[in-house]
Amino acid sequence: MDSLDALVLYHIYKSEISVIRLGAQHLQNRTIGHQIIASHIKCTQDQVEASLRNLKDLSFFDEISSNPGWYANVKFREFMRACYPDIEPKAPVSSS
């Protein structure tokens, strides 16, 4: 994990994002496009996409097969809670 990966993780956690899609979607139902993350953390879209792919390989995200993107999983949430106990995002939205 490099410093950009850590920045991407922090931004996603602090912003209470659950799903990241490729593209320019704005935050809606805790889903956002990687281009918006890039603009928020002031880096390129390719850097964010590469970081997300790296973080997926480290098992922080699960890939969504039906539409290119990533879902923040339990490893991501537990890791971030351990790193930032003072930030307590909302519980994940239940699909039931």
Protein backbone atom coordinates (compact mmCIF):
# COMPACT_ATOMS: atom_id res chain seq x y z
CA MET A 1 0.00 0.00 0.00
CA ASP A 2 1.36 3.43 -0.89
CA SER A 3 0.41 6.92 0.30
CA LEU A 4 -2.17 7.41 -2.49
CA ASP A 5 -3.84 4.14 -1.53
CA ALA A 6 -4.07 5.37 2.07
CA LEU A 7 -5.53 8.69 0.89
CA VAL A 8 -8.14 6.91 -1.25
CA LEU A 9 -9.10 4.64 1.66
CA TYR A 10 -9.41 7.59 4.04
CA HIS A 11 -11.52 9.63 1.61
CA ILE A 12 -13.89 6.72 0.94
CA TYR A 13 -14.26 5.97 4.65
CA LYS A 14 -14.71 9.56 5.81
CA SER A 15 -17.21 10.24 2.99
CA GLU A 16 -19.21 7.13 3.91
CA ILE A 17 -18.93 5.69 0.40
CA SER A 18 -19.93 2.03 -0.05
CA VAL A 19 -19.68 1.57 -3.82
CA ILE A 20 -17.22 3.07 -6.32
CA ARG A 21 -18.03 2.88 -10.03
CA LEU A 22 -15.88 3.77 -13.00
CA GLY A 23 -17.03 7.14 -14.26
CA ALA A 24 -18.22 10.51 -13.04
CA GLN A 25 -21.21 9.63 -10.87
CA HIS A 26 -21.84 11.96 -7.96
CA LEU A 27 -22.55 10.58 -4.52
CA GLN A 28 -25.98 8.97 -4.52
CA ASN A 29 -27.05 6.14 -2.21
CA ARG A 30 -23.44 5.94 -1.00
CA THR A 31 -22.20 5.27 -4.55
CA ILE A 32 -19.69 7.52 -6.32
CA GLY A 33 -17.66 7.52 -9.52
CA HIS A 34 -13.87 7.26 -9.38
CA GLN A 35 -13.56 10.53 -11.34
CA ILE A 36 -15.26 12.39 -8.48
CA ILE A 37 -12.85 10.86 -5.95
CA ALA A 38 -9.95 11.97 -8.17
CA SER A 39 -11.23 15.55 -8.23
CA HIS A 40 -11.75 15.57 -4.43
CA ILE A 41 -8.25 14.32 -3.62
CA LYS A 42 -6.62 16.23 -6.50
CA CYS A 43 -5.07 13.42 -8.51
CA THR A 44 -5.73 11.81 -11.88
CA GLN A 45 -8.54 9.38 -12.65
CA ASP A 46 -5.96 6.79 -13.67
CA GLN A 47 -4.20 7.13 -10.31
CA VAL A 48 -7.47 6.52 -8.45
CA GLU A 49 -8.40 3.57 -10.65
CA ALA A 50 -4.93 2.03 -10.19
CA SER A 51 -5.20 2.58 -6.44
CA LEU A 52 -8.65 0.98 -6.29
CA ARG A 53 -7.36 -2.03 -8.22
CA ASN A 54 -4.41 -2.33 -5.85
CA LEU A 55 -6.69 -2.04 -2.81
CA LYS A 56 -8.97 -4.70 -4.30
CA ASP A 57 -5.92 -6.98 -4.61
CA LEU A 58 -5.26 -6.32 -0.90
CA SER A 59 -8.86 -7.50 -0.23
CA PHE A 60 -10.25 -4.12 0.93
CA PHE A 61 -12.83 -4.14 -1.88
CA ASP A 62 -14.85 -6.74 -3.71
CA GLU A 63 -15.33 -6.30 -7.43
CA ILE A 64 -18.81 -5.79 -8.85
CA SER A 65 -19.13 -7.95 -11.94
CA SER A 66 -22.42 -6.60 -13.32
CA ASN A 67 -21.15 -3.02 -13.68
CA PRO A 68 -17.45 -2.14 -13.37
CA GLY A 69 -16.77 -1.04 -9.85
CA TRP A 70 -15.90 -2.00 -6.29
CA TYR A 71 -17.79 -2.57 -3.07
CA ALA A 72 -16.19 -1.68 0.28
CA ASN A 73 -16.15 -4.91 2.29
CA VAL A 74 -15.86 -5.84 5.96
CA LYS A 75 -12.03 -5.92 5.86
CA PHE A 76 -12.06 -2.29 4.66
CA ARG A 77 -14.48 -1.22 7.41
CA GLU A 78 -12.65 -3.01 10.22
CA PHE A 79 -9.24 -1.75 9.06
CA MET A 80 -10.49 1.83 8.90
CA ARG A 81 -12.21 1.59 12.30
CA ALA A 82 -8.89 0.42 13.77
CA CYS A 83 -6.97 3.25 12.08
CA TYR A 84 -9.54 6.01 12.73
CA PRO A 85 -11.64 5.14 15.79
CA ASP A 86 -12.75 8.78 16.07
CA ILE A 87 -14.55 8.60 12.69
CA GLU A 88 -17.69 6.52 12.93
CA PRO A 89 -19.52 6.36 9.60
CA LYS A 90 -23.10 5.18 9.36
CA ALA A 91 -23.77 1.46 9.24
CA PRO A 92 -23.89 0.00 5.71
CA VAL A 93 -27.28 0.23 4.02
CA SER A 94 -29.05 -3.13 4.23
CA SER A 95 -30.22 -4.67 0.97
CA SER A 96 -33.11 -6.53 2.62
